[in-house]
C-alpha atoms as a PDB file:
ATOM      1  CA  MET A   1     -56.652 -40.840  33.774  1.00  0.00           C
ATOM      2  CA  LYS A   2     -57.636 -41.362  30.143  1.00  0.00           C
ATOM      3  CA  SER A   3     -56.344 -40.294  26.758  1.00  0.00           C
ATOM      4  CA  ASP A   4     -56.907 -41.464  23.198  1.00  0.00           C
ATOM      5  CA  TYR A   5     -53.679 -43.398  23.577  1.00  0.00           C
ATOM      6  CA  PHE A   6     -54.085 -45.198  26.927  1.00  0.00           C
ATOM      7  CA  ASN A   7     -56.022 -45.151  30.183  1.00  0.00           C
ATOM      8  CA  ILE A   8     -55.133 -45.648  33.828  1.00  0.00           C
ATOM      9  CA  VAL A   9     -57.668 -47.202  36.188  1.00  0.00           C
ATOM     10  CA  GLY A  10     -57.466 -47.376  39.938  1.00  0.00           C
ATOM     11  CA  PRO A  11     -56.891 -47.592  42.713  1.00  0.00           C
ATOM     12  CA  LEU A  12     -57.750 -51.285  42.629  1.00  0.00           C
ATOM     13  CA  LEU A  13     -57.066 -54.109  45.075  1.00  0.00           C
ATOM     14  CA  ASN A  14     -56.376 -57.784  44.316  1.00  0.00           C
ATOM     15  CA  SER A  15     -54.319 -57.048  41.188  1.00  0.00           C
ATOM     16  CA  GLY A  16     -51.353 -59.248  42.111  1.00  0.00           C
ATOM     17  CA  ASN A  17     -51.815 -61.952  39.459  1.00  0.00           C
ATOM     18  CA  GLU A  18     -52.228 -59.446  36.641  1.00  0.00           C
ATOM     19  CA  CYS A  19     -49.225 -57.425  37.819  1.00  0.00           C
ATOM     20  CA  GLU A  20     -47.042 -60.512  38.278  1.00  0.00           C
ATOM     21  CA  LYS A  21     -47.576 -61.346  34.592  1.00  0.00           C
ATOM     22  CA  ILE A  22     -46.133 -57.949  33.694  1.00  0.00           C
ATOM     23  CA  LEU A  23     -43.208 -58.349  36.118  1.00  0.00           C
ATOM     24  CA  ARG A  24     -42.297 -61.653  34.467  1.00  0.00           C
ATOM     25  CA  ARG A  25     -41.766 -59.756  31.207  1.00  0.00           C
ATOM     26  CA  LEU A  26     -39.268 -57.432  32.919  1.00  0.00           C
ATOM     27  CA  PRO A  27     -36.346 -59.726  33.815  1.00  0.00           C
ATOM     28  CA  GLU A  28     -33.773 -56.894  33.849  1.00  0.00           C
ATOM     29  CA  TRP A  29     -35.551 -55.458  36.894  1.00  0.00           C
ATOM     30  CA  PHE A  30     -37.456 -58.374  38.409  1.00  0.00           C
ATOM     31  CA  GLY A  31     -35.547 -61.487  37.342  1.00  0.00           C
ATOM     32  CA  ASP A  32     -35.598 -63.264  40.686  1.00  0.00           C
ATOM     33  CA  GLU A  33     -38.472 -65.763  40.935  1.00  0.00           C
ATOM     34  CA  GLN A  34     -39.120 -65.232  44.631  1.00  0.00           C
ATOM     35  CA  THR A  35     -39.148 -61.456  44.175  1.00  0.00           C
ATOM     36  CA  MET A  36     -41.866 -61.710  41.518  1.00  0.00           C
ATOM     37  CA  ILE A  37     -43.962 -64.015  43.697  1.00  0.00           C
ATOM     38  CA  ASP A  38     -43.542 -61.745  46.734  1.00  0.00           C
ATOM     39  CA  TYR A  39     -44.526 -58.655  44.740  1.00  0.00           C
ATOM     40  CA  GLY A  40     -47.617 -60.438  43.404  1.00  0.00           C
ATOM     41  CA  ILE A  41     -48.748 -61.380  46.908  1.00  0.00           C
ATOM     42  CA  GLU A  42     -48.070 -57.928  48.384  1.00  0.00           C
ATOM     43  CA  ILE A  43     -49.767 -56.079  45.513  1.00  0.00           C
ATOM     44  CA  ASN A  44     -53.073 -57.808  46.304  1.00  0.00           C
ATOM     45  CA  SER A  45     -53.476 -55.648  49.417  1.00  0.00           C
ATOM     46  CA  LEU A  46     -52.157 -52.394  47.922  1.00  0.00           C
ATOM     47  CA  PRO A  47     -53.894 -49.665  45.941  1.00  0.00           C
ATOM     48  CA  THR A  48     -52.802 -50.385  42.373  1.00  0.00           C
ATOM     49  CA  PHE A  49     -53.271 -48.412  39.187  1.00  0.00           C
ATOM     50  CA  ILE A  50     -53.412 -50.419  35.944  1.00  0.00           C
ATOM     51  CA  ILE A  51     -52.205 -48.865  32.691  1.00  0.00           C
ATOM     52  CA  ASN A  52     -54.182 -50.124  29.688  1.00  0.00           C
ATOM     53  CA  MET A  53     -53.375 -49.788  26.024  1.00  0.00           C
ATOM     54  CA  HIS A  54     -56.164 -50.858  23.633  1.00  0.00           C
ATOM     55  CA  ASN A  55     -58.013 -52.379  26.638  1.00  0.00           C
ATOM     56  CA  GLN A  56     -55.030 -54.619  27.487  1.00  0.00           C
ATOM     57  CA  PRO A  57     -52.882 -54.172  30.618  1.00  0.00           C
ATOM     58  CA  CYS A  58     -49.421 -52.951  29.668  1.00  0.00           C
ATOM     59  CA  GLY A  59     -48.245 -51.666  33.042  1.00  0.00           C
ATOM     60  CA  PHE A  60     -49.108 -50.864  36.615  1.00  0.00           C
ATOM     61  CA  ILE A  61     -48.027 -48.955  39.689  1.00  0.00           C
ATOM     62  CA  SER A  62     -48.734 -49.989  43.283  1.00  0.00           C
ATOM     63  CA  LEU A  63     -48.764 -47.695  46.264  1.00  0.00           C
ATOM     64  CA  LYS A  64     -47.914 -48.467  49.873  1.00  0.00           C
ATOM     65  CA  ILE A  65     -49.224 -45.937  52.395  1.00  0.00           C
ATOM     66  CA  HIS A  66     -46.926 -45.930  55.422  1.00  0.00           C
ATOM     67  CA  PHE A  67     -48.349 -42.968  57.351  1.00  0.00           C
ATOM     68  CA  LYS A  68     -51.053 -40.390  56.738  1.00  0.00           C
ATOM     69  CA  GLU A  69     -48.291 -38.038  55.538  1.00  0.00           C
ATOM     70  CA  ALA A  70     -46.163 -40.435  53.497  1.00  0.00           C
ATOM     71  CA  ALA A  71     -46.585 -43.109  50.837  1.00  0.00           C
ATOM     72  CA  GLU A  72     -44.253 -45.217  48.747  1.00  0.00           C
ATOM     73  CA  LEU A  73     -44.410 -45.931  45.048  1.00  0.00           C
ATOM     74  CA  TYR A  74     -43.975 -49.601  45.877  1.00  0.00           C
ATOM     75  CA  VAL A  75     -43.524 -51.028  42.401  1.00  0.00           C
ATOM     76  CA  LEU A  76     -43.872 -49.768  38.853  1.00  0.00           C
ATOM     77  CA  GLY A  77     -43.783 -52.077  35.855  1.00  0.00           C
ATOM     78  CA  ILE A  78     -44.378 -51.282  32.200  1.00  0.00           C
ATOM     79  CA  LEU A  79     -43.966 -53.812  29.408  1.00  0.00           C
ATOM     80  CA  PRO A  80     -40.768 -53.133  27.428  1.00  0.00           C
ATOM     81  CA  GLU A  81     -42.550 -52.361  24.159  1.00  0.00           C
ATOM     82  CA  TYR A  82     -44.289 -49.445  25.914  1.00  0.00           C
ATOM     83  CA  HIS A  83     -41.202 -47.869  27.496  1.00  0.00           C
ATOM     84  CA  HIS A  84     -40.376 -44.246  26.607  1.00  0.00           C
ATOM     85  CA  GLN A  85     -43.954 -43.394  25.639  1.00  0.00           C
ATOM     86  CA  GLY A  86     -44.941 -41.357  28.709  1.00  0.00           C
ATOM     87  CA  LEU A  87     -46.874 -44.139  30.455  1.00  0.00           C
ATOM     88  CA  GLY A  88     -44.674 -44.233  33.568  1.00  0.00           C
ATOM     89  CA  HIS A  89     -44.895 -40.480  33.946  1.00  0.00           C
ATOM     90  CA  ALA A  90     -48.684 -40.568  33.519  1.00  0.00           C
ATOM     91  CA  ALA A  91     -49.027 -43.405  36.047  1.00  0.00           C
ATOM     92  CA  ILE A  92     -46.982 -41.520  38.621  1.00  0.00           C
ATOM     93  CA  GLU A  93     -49.082 -38.402  37.993  1.00  0.00           C
ATOM     94  CA  ALA A  94     -52.267 -40.439  38.599  1.00  0.00           C
ATOM     95  CA  VAL A  95     -50.843 -41.828  41.847  1.00  0.00           C
ATOM     96  CA  THR A  96     -49.598 -38.382  42.890  1.00  0.00           C
ATOM     97  CA  GLU A  97     -53.051 -36.882  42.366  1.00  0.00           C
ATOM     98  CA  TYR A  98     -54.610 -39.717  44.377  1.00  0.00           C
ATOM     99  CA  CYS A  99     -52.111 -39.090  47.199  1.00  0.00           C
ATOM    100  CA  ARG A 100     -52.756 -35.340  47.190  1.00  0.00           C
ATOM    101  CA  ASN A 101     -56.488 -36.030  47.512  1.00  0.00           C
ATOM    102  CA  GLN A 102     -55.689 -38.250  50.522  1.00  0.00           C
ATOM    103  CA  GLY A 103     -53.631 -35.454  52.137  1.00  0.00           C
ATOM    104  CA  ILE A 104     -50.319 -37.287  51.692  1.00  0.00           C
ATOM    105  CA  GLU A 105     -47.363 -34.875  51.633  1.00  0.00           C
ATOM    106  CA  TYR A 106     -44.444 -37.063  50.573  1.00  0.00           C
ATOM    107  CA  LEU A 107     -43.869 -39.854  48.089  1.00  0.00           C
ATOM    108  CA  GLN A 108     -40.854 -42.100  48.278  1.00  0.00           C
ATOM    109  CA  ILE A 109     -39.409 -44.704  45.966  1.00  0.00           C
ATOM    110  CA  LYS A 110     -36.782 -47.332  46.638  1.00  0.00           C
ATOM    111  CA  THR A 111     -34.625 -48.489  43.747  1.00  0.00           C
ATOM    112  CA  VAL A 112     -31.209 -50.034  43.218  1.00  0.00           C
ATOM    113  CA  GLY A 113     -28.567 -47.509  44.254  1.00  0.00           C
ATOM    114  CA  PRO A 114     -25.817 -45.895  42.190  1.00  0.00           C
ATOM    115  CA  SER A 115     -22.954 -47.664  43.953  1.00  0.00           C
ATOM    116  CA  THR A 116     -23.596 -50.597  41.618  1.00  0.00           C
ATOM    117  CA  SER A 117     -23.359 -50.476  37.847  1.00  0.00           C
ATOM    118  CA  TRP A 118     -26.631 -51.949  36.655  1.00  0.00           C
ATOM    119  CA  ALA A 119     -27.656 -50.274  33.387  1.00  0.00           C
ATOM    120  CA  ALA A 120     -31.412 -50.849  33.761  1.00  0.00           C
ATOM    121  CA  TYR A 121     -31.382 -49.125  37.138  1.00  0.00           C
ATOM    122  CA  GLU A 122     -29.222 -46.233  35.934  1.00  0.00           C
ATOM    123  CA  ASN A 123     -32.077 -45.451  33.542  1.00  0.00           C
ATOM    124  CA  THR A 124     -34.615 -45.983  36.322  1.00  0.00           C
ATOM    125  CA  ARG A 125     -32.841 -43.478  38.601  1.00  0.00           C
ATOM    126  CA  ARG A 126     -32.646 -40.925  35.768  1.00  0.00           C
ATOM    127  CA  PHE A 127     -36.379 -41.353  35.178  1.00  0.00           C
ATOM    128  CA  TYR A 128     -37.260 -40.689  38.829  1.00  0.00           C
ATOM    129  CA  ILE A 129     -34.940 -37.679  38.996  1.00  0.00           C
ATOM    130  CA  SER A 130     -36.531 -36.288  35.821  1.00  0.00           C
ATOM    131  CA  ILE A 131     -39.952 -36.250  37.506  1.00  0.00           C
ATOM    132  CA  GLY A 132     -38.774 -34.538  40.663  1.00  0.00           C
ATOM    133  CA  PHE A 133     -37.579 -37.266  43.027  1.00  0.00           C
ATOM    134  CA  LYS A 134     -34.445 -36.471  45.029  1.00  0.00           C
ATOM    135  CA  PRO A 135     -31.978 -39.071  46.338  1.00  0.00           C
ATOM    136  CA  LEU A 136     -32.160 -39.278  50.119  1.00  0.00           C
ATOM    137  CA  GLU A 137     -29.992 -42.199  51.258  1.00  0.00           C
ATOM    138  CA  GLU A 138     -28.383 -45.368  49.962  1.00  0.00           C
ATOM    139  CA  PHE A 139     -28.714 -48.404  52.228  1.00  0.00           C
ATOM    140  CA  HIS A 140     -26.311 -51.331  52.029  1.00  0.00           C
ATOM    141  CA  GLY A 141     -27.569 -54.697  53.244  1.00  0.00           C
ATOM    142  CA  LEU A 142     -31.306 -53.942  53.156  1.00  0.00           C
ATOM    143  CA  TRP A 143     -31.745 -56.010  49.966  1.00  0.00           C
ATOM    144  CA  GLY A 144     -28.639 -58.143  50.364  1.00  0.00           C
ATOM    145  CA  PRO A 145     -24.912 -57.496  50.088  1.00  0.00           C
ATOM    146  CA  ASP A 146     -24.849 -56.955  46.311  1.00  0.00           C
ATOM    147  CA  CYS A 147     -27.962 -54.809  45.952  1.00  0.00           C
ATOM    148  CA  PRO A 148     -27.754 -51.321  47.478  1.00  0.00           C
ATOM    149  CA  CYS A 149     -31.119 -49.645  48.044  1.00  0.00           C
ATOM    150  CA  LEU A 150     -31.489 -45.977  47.113  1.00  0.00           C
ATOM    151  CA  GLN A 151     -34.326 -44.159  48.829  1.00  0.00           C
ATOM    152  CA  MET A 152     -35.677 -41.170  46.883  1.00  0.00           C
ATOM    153  CA  ILE A 153     -38.326 -38.694  47.977  1.00  0.00           C
ATOM    154  CA  LYS A 154     -40.615 -36.069  46.485  1.00  0.00           C
ATOM    155  CA  LYS A 155     -42.760 -33.475  48.254  1.00  0.00           C
ATOM    156  CA  ILE A 156     -46.205 -33.390  46.632  1.00  0.00           C
ATOM    157  CA  LEU A 157     -48.161 -31.003  48.880  1.00  0.00           C
END
């Protein structure tokens, strides 16, 4: 996807180092050192879409394909100075189009659930709801006792 404002390239593999640099600038969401390292390692084997502004990476989205019918928006990160400019929406549209072309019917996302009051994730949940994701289930204990996991889903075919 390309506009005069930004472009999205992908899917790419082996993008973990580049994406980890972006995650490190997002401490409200990815403040735990081990989490950032783990994401960087995992992203290397996942289809990843890089968002560029003026030929510089400013965000990314990685996709995990679980089954031929279902994929997960594994991680999305956009540098804070580029929030609220439509880049996240455009990245998810690029991934959605890729998934449709692969015959994938459902996209899921896992984020911090609403049973905790974490302002950054309240905004994150609102964002996903605004683009058509529906809450499916909140899991307690999956990410530890103080971090409920909300699974959201969207039908794309």
